[in-house]
Structures are given as structure tokens and as C-alpha cells.
Amino acid sequence: MQASVKPEFEAIRKQRVHEEVAKQIEQVILKKLSPGDKLPAERELAEMLGVSRSSIRDALRRLEMVGLVEPRQGAGTVVREISHEALVGQMTNAIAHKRQMVGDLLDFRKMLEPPMAARAAENATGEEIARMEDILRRQDHKVRGGELAVEEDSEFHYCIARASGNSVVLKVMDVVMDLLRETRSRSLQSAGRPQKSLAGHRKVLSEIKRHDGAAAEVAMRQHIRDVELMVFDKL
């Protein structure tokens, strides 16, 4: 029988603990272990990872479901030969999870940003509007040069958040923009997406300059819908 393998793990400190446990064990399996290798006992894994044994059990069940490990009578949990089906299943699950997360983030943006644009239209100062115009000039210059203008895309939305006059919204937008950074970069590579993004920004800014809150809200909602279509086309 194969000797028990005792790799090093990092302490788990996030919520949805069993998912993080499963992720770490999966990485060790894929990078360091071979079919037939035995994982440490539940108690040892719990100590290594700094989590409860119930979290370990949930994580191992998750890994068993995707075909990475199997329990063997008298041997504990053993690494399985990774089949083509298991790899396809993992990829499918990862894609589905990513689509769900991005979908939730975009749905949240639809709840947050249209009213935020309306507030910006009502509250924006001349200086803030001038800053938005400068951002769009830079975005236009990059788009014409064939660049993605990812930074300007994020900066424009953040500037609207600042103009809305709510400091909590700024912190929320920081988190949202961070989570969407990779997706934004990928979606901006779609044909016509940089130009469409710029056109959406211009429409929103036009309504903010007119100080028309209702129209700014409609323009932002349409812009995010357009983004949503582009993003899911790339996932």
C-alpha cells in the first residue's frame, strides 16, 4: 500500500470553508500526487488546514463527486486515476460557476449603477464632468489605436460613483471593479466591444452633463445590458 502523503497546506480563513479546502486539496492532487496516493486522515487534514473535520468531510465528498478521490475500505481516501470525463466535468463546473458569479455581479451592477448615474447627474460638479470628459478622450484615443482601454473603462464608472456623492458607493464600486477586472479585459477583446463601450459611456455622460437624472439612469441601464451581452458571449 502507498505511504500516506503529507503535503503542506495554507490555513483556511475564508467563508464557504469546504469549497476552499476542496480547492487546496485539488491543487495538491493535480500538481504533486499520483493515482493511488493516500491522503492524510481527516484529523490530520483538519489540523494542517486549520478547519473542522466536518469541513474536511464536505470537501472530500465534493472531490469524490468530481472523480478526483475515492474512499477505500481500510485505506482511507485515495487519489483516483483522473479520467477524461472527470476533467471535462471539472471544466464544465468551473465555467458554470464563473458564469453564475459574473451574472450575479452584472445583476448587482444593474441594481447599483443606474440610480448612481441619476445621482451623479444631479450632483456632478463642473470639475467632475471635466474629469469624465478627459477619461473619454483618453478612451477614444486608445480605442482608435486598437487598444482595449480597460483602465479608462473602470475609471469612468468609478468617477460616476464619486460624483454621486456617496462614500460607501465608492467602496462598493472598488470591490465590483476588482471582481470584474479579468472579465472586462476579456470581453473588451470582442469585435466592436471597445467602440460600443465608448458609445455607451458617451451617452451616459451626455445625460449627466444635461443634469437629467432619469435619462442618465436609462442610459446606464442600457449600457450595462450591452456589456452583459458581450461578456456572456466570451464566457
Protein backbone atom coordinates (compact mmCIF):
# COMPACT_ATOMS: atom_id res chain seq x y z
CA MET A 1 0.00 0.00 0.00
CA GLN A 2 1.19 3.51 -0.83
CA ALA A 3 2.52 5.60 2.05
CA SER A 4 0.33 8.42 3.29
CA VAL A 5 1.33 11.70 1.62
CA LYS A 6 1.53 14.75 3.90
CA PRO A 7 1.80 17.87 1.72
CA GLU A 8 1.88 21.40 3.09
CA PHE A 9 -1.32 23.45 3.08
CA GLU A 10 -2.23 27.04 3.92
CA ALA A 11 -4.61 27.79 6.77
CA ILE A 12 -8.14 28.43 5.54
CA ARG A 13 -9.57 31.79 6.58
CA LYS A 14 -12.41 32.38 4.09
CA GLN A 15 -16.12 31.74 4.18
CA ARG A 16 -17.58 28.67 2.41
CA VAL A 17 -14.76 26.81 4.07
CA HIS A 18 -15.29 23.40 2.47
CA GLU A 19 -15.01 24.92 -1.02
CA GLU A 20 -11.66 26.49 -0.16
CA VAL A 21 -10.50 23.22 1.43
CA ALA A 22 -11.52 21.29 -1.69
CA LYS A 23 -9.71 23.79 -3.90
CA GLN A 24 -6.43 23.42 -1.98
CA ILE A 25 -6.59 19.63 -1.88
CA GLU A 26 -7.42 19.58 -5.60
CA GLN A 27 -4.35 21.70 -6.41
CA VAL A 28 -2.11 19.35 -4.40
CA ILE A 29 -3.62 16.31 -6.16
CA LEU A 30 -3.15 17.77 -9.63
CA LYS A 31 0.38 19.08 -9.04
CA LYS A 32 2.03 16.68 -6.59
CA LEU A 33 0.17 13.41 -6.18
CA SER A 34 -0.30 10.32 -8.30
CA PRO A 35 -3.15 7.84 -8.67
CA GLY A 36 -3.15 5.51 -5.68
CA ASP A 37 -1.57 8.01 -3.29
CA LYS A 38 -3.36 8.14 0.03
CA LEU A 39 -4.46 11.47 1.51
CA PRO A 40 -3.82 12.16 5.20
CA ALA A 41 -6.59 11.18 7.59
CA GLU A 42 -9.43 13.64 8.24
CA ARG A 43 -7.98 14.60 11.62
CA GLU A 44 -4.56 15.36 10.11
CA LEU A 45 -6.05 17.37 7.24
CA ALA A 46 -8.16 19.35 9.70
CA GLU A 47 -5.02 20.22 11.70
CA MET A 48 -2.98 21.09 8.59
CA LEU A 49 -5.66 23.37 7.20
CA GLY A 50 -6.92 24.78 10.48
CA VAL A 51 -10.55 23.81 9.87
CA SER A 52 -13.11 21.45 11.38
CA ARG A 53 -13.34 17.79 10.44
CA SER A 54 -16.84 18.39 9.06
CA SER A 55 -15.37 20.88 6.56
CA ILE A 56 -12.82 18.24 5.54
CA ARG A 57 -15.58 15.65 5.06
CA ASP A 58 -17.63 18.06 2.93
CA ALA A 59 -14.56 18.90 0.84
CA LEU A 60 -13.68 15.23 0.28
CA ARG A 61 -17.27 14.49 -0.77
CA ARG A 62 -17.02 17.31 -3.28
CA LEU A 63 -13.77 15.91 -4.67
CA GLU A 64 -15.26 12.42 -4.79
CA MET A 65 -18.22 13.72 -6.81
CA VAL A 66 -15.91 15.16 -9.49
CA GLY A 67 -13.88 11.96 -9.65
CA LEU A 68 -10.60 13.07 -8.07
CA VAL A 69 -10.61 10.82 -4.99
CA GLU A 70 -12.35 7.71 -3.73
CA PRO A 71 -12.76 6.17 -0.27
CA ARG A 72 -11.28 2.67 0.01
CA GLN A 73 -12.10 0.20 2.77
CA GLY A 74 -9.20 0.06 5.17
CA ALA A 75 -7.10 2.51 3.15
CA GLY A 76 -8.81 5.87 3.66
CA THR A 77 -9.18 8.40 0.85
CA VAL A 78 -7.09 7.67 -2.23
CA VAL A 79 -6.32 9.69 -5.37
CA ARG A 80 -8.10 8.27 -8.41
CA GLU A 81 -6.84 7.92 -11.95
CA ILE A 82 -8.16 11.14 -13.47
CA SER A 83 -10.39 10.28 -16.37
CA HIS A 84 -11.26 12.37 -19.39
CA GLU A 85 -14.82 12.56 -18.09
CA ALA A 86 -13.65 13.90 -14.73
CA LEU A 87 -11.58 16.63 -16.38
CA VAL A 88 -14.47 17.62 -18.64
CA GLY A 89 -16.76 17.66 -15.61
CA GLN A 90 -14.39 19.94 -13.72
CA MET A 91 -14.16 22.34 -16.65
CA THR A 92 -17.93 22.35 -17.06
CA ASN A 93 -18.45 23.04 -13.35
CA ALA A 94 -15.83 25.82 -13.39
CA ILE A 95 -17.43 27.51 -16.40
CA ALA A 96 -20.91 27.24 -14.89
CA HIS A 97 -19.66 28.67 -11.59
CA LYS A 98 -17.91 31.54 -13.37
CA ARG A 99 -20.99 32.37 -15.44
CA GLN A 100 -23.09 32.40 -12.26
CA MET A 101 -20.65 34.69 -10.44
CA VAL A 102 -20.33 37.11 -13.37
CA GLY A 103 -24.10 37.04 -13.87
CA ASP A 104 -24.64 37.94 -10.23
CA LEU A 105 -22.10 40.77 -10.44
CA LEU A 106 -23.70 42.22 -13.56
CA ASP A 107 -27.14 41.90 -11.97
CA PHE A 108 -25.79 43.78 -8.97
CA ARG A 109 -24.40 46.48 -11.28
CA LYS A 110 -27.87 46.86 -12.82
CA MET A 111 -29.26 47.46 -9.33
CA LEU A 112 -26.48 49.84 -8.29
CA GLU A 113 -25.20 51.87 -11.23
CA PRO A 114 -28.32 53.26 -12.96
CA PRO A 115 -29.54 55.04 -9.79
CA MET A 116 -25.94 56.04 -9.14
CA ALA A 117 -25.77 57.67 -12.60
CA ALA A 118 -29.00 59.52 -11.80
CA ARG A 119 -27.46 60.86 -8.58
CA ALA A 120 -24.32 61.83 -10.48
CA ALA A 121 -26.41 63.77 -13.00
CA GLU A 122 -28.00 65.70 -10.16
CA ASN A 123 -24.80 66.28 -8.15
CA ALA A 124 -21.85 66.35 -10.56
CA THR A 125 -19.70 69.47 -10.43
CA GLY A 126 -18.11 71.11 -13.43
CA GLU A 127 -14.77 69.69 -12.36
CA GLU A 128 -16.14 66.14 -12.14
CA ILE A 129 -17.76 66.42 -15.57
CA ALA A 130 -14.48 67.73 -17.00
CA ARG A 131 -12.70 64.70 -15.49
CA MET A 132 -15.20 62.34 -17.16
CA GLU A 133 -14.69 64.09 -20.48
CA ASP A 134 -10.94 63.68 -20.13
CA ILE A 135 -11.34 59.97 -19.38
CA LEU A 136 -13.45 59.50 -22.51
CA ARG A 137 -10.93 61.43 -24.62
CA ARG A 138 -8.23 59.04 -23.43
CA GLN A 139 -10.52 56.05 -24.01
CA ASP A 140 -11.27 57.27 -27.54
CA HIS A 141 -7.56 57.72 -28.28
CA LYS A 142 -6.77 54.18 -27.13
CA VAL A 143 -9.71 52.62 -28.98
CA ARG A 144 -8.71 54.37 -32.21
CA GLY A 145 -5.21 52.97 -31.71
CA GLY A 146 -6.53 49.44 -31.32
CA GLU A 147 -6.06 49.28 -27.53
CA LEU A 148 -8.65 47.92 -25.07
CA ALA A 149 -8.76 50.93 -22.70
CA VAL A 150 -9.55 48.71 -19.70
CA GLU A 151 -8.28 51.30 -17.20
CA GLU A 152 -10.36 54.10 -18.70
CA ASP A 153 -13.44 51.86 -18.71
CA SER A 154 -13.10 51.24 -14.97
CA GLU A 155 -12.07 54.83 -14.25
CA PHE A 156 -15.19 56.24 -15.92
CA HIS A 157 -17.55 54.16 -13.79
CA TYR A 158 -15.59 54.97 -10.67
CA CYS A 159 -15.75 58.69 -11.48
CA ILE A 160 -19.54 58.47 -11.75
CA ALA A 161 -19.61 56.77 -8.35
CA ARG A 162 -17.56 59.62 -6.93
CA ALA A 163 -19.89 62.20 -8.49
CA SER A 164 -22.90 60.51 -6.89
CA GLY A 165 -21.66 61.90 -3.58
CA ASN A 166 -21.81 58.72 -1.50
CA SER A 167 -18.59 57.44 0.07
CA VAL A 168 -19.99 53.94 0.70
CA VAL A 169 -20.79 53.55 -3.01
CA LEU A 170 -17.13 54.27 -3.79
CA LYS A 171 -16.02 51.35 -1.61
CA VAL A 172 -18.61 49.05 -3.16
CA MET A 173 -17.52 50.03 -6.67
CA ASP A 174 -13.90 49.29 -5.76
CA VAL A 175 -14.88 45.72 -4.95
CA VAL A 176 -17.10 45.27 -8.02
CA MET A 177 -14.49 46.67 -10.41
CA ASP A 178 -11.86 44.40 -8.87
CA LEU A 179 -14.01 41.31 -9.30
CA LEU A 180 -14.86 42.18 -12.89
CA ARG A 181 -11.34 43.18 -13.98
CA GLU A 182 -10.49 39.91 -15.74
CA THR A 183 -13.93 39.61 -17.34
CA ARG A 184 -13.82 43.23 -18.53
CA SER A 185 -10.42 42.69 -20.15
CA ARG A 186 -11.62 39.55 -21.93
CA SER A 187 -14.94 40.99 -23.10
CA LEU A 188 -13.25 44.13 -24.45
CA GLN A 189 -11.43 41.87 -26.89
CA SER A 190 -14.74 41.10 -28.65
CA ALA A 191 -15.04 42.71 -32.07
CA GLY A 192 -16.74 46.08 -31.72
CA ARG A 193 -16.88 45.92 -27.90
CA PRO A 194 -14.42 48.79 -27.19
CA GLN A 195 -16.33 51.05 -29.58
CA LYS A 196 -19.69 50.04 -28.10
CA SER A 197 -18.41 50.62 -24.58
CA LEU A 198 -17.19 54.09 -25.54
CA ALA A 199 -20.53 54.91 -27.18
CA GLY A 200 -22.36 53.81 -24.04
CA HIS A 201 -20.12 55.98 -21.88
CA ARG A 202 -20.69 58.98 -24.13
CA LYS A 203 -24.46 58.58 -23.89
CA VAL A 204 -24.31 58.38 -20.09
CA LEU A 205 -22.03 61.41 -19.89
CA SER A 206 -24.29 63.37 -22.24
CA GLU A 207 -27.22 62.92 -19.84
CA ILE A 208 -25.06 63.73 -16.81
CA LYS A 209 -23.94 66.98 -18.48
CA ARG A 210 -27.61 67.83 -19.05
CA HIS A 211 -28.23 67.07 -15.36
CA ASP A 212 -31.09 64.77 -16.43
CA GLY A 213 -31.16 62.11 -13.73
CA ALA A 214 -33.90 59.96 -15.28
CA ALA A 215 -32.22 59.91 -18.69
CA ALA A 216 -28.81 59.15 -17.15
CA GLU A 217 -30.35 56.20 -15.32
CA VAL A 218 -31.86 54.82 -18.54
CA ALA A 219 -28.58 55.30 -20.42
CA MET A 220 -26.57 53.48 -17.75
CA ARG A 221 -29.03 50.60 -17.60
CA GLN A 222 -28.81 50.16 -21.38
CA HIS A 223 -25.01 50.34 -21.24
CA ILE A 224 -24.82 47.54 -18.66
CA ARG A 225 -27.25 45.41 -20.70
CA ASP A 226 -24.97 45.83 -23.72
CA VAL A 227 -21.97 44.87 -21.58
CA GLU A 228 -23.83 41.80 -20.30
CA LEU A 229 -24.44 40.53 -23.83
CA MET A 230 -20.76 40.98 -24.72
CA VAL A 231 -19.48 39.38 -21.52
CA PHE A 232 -21.55 36.20 -21.82
CA ASP A 233 -20.57 35.88 -25.46
CA LYS A 234 -16.95 35.48 -24.26
CA LEU A 235 -17.55 33.06 -21.36
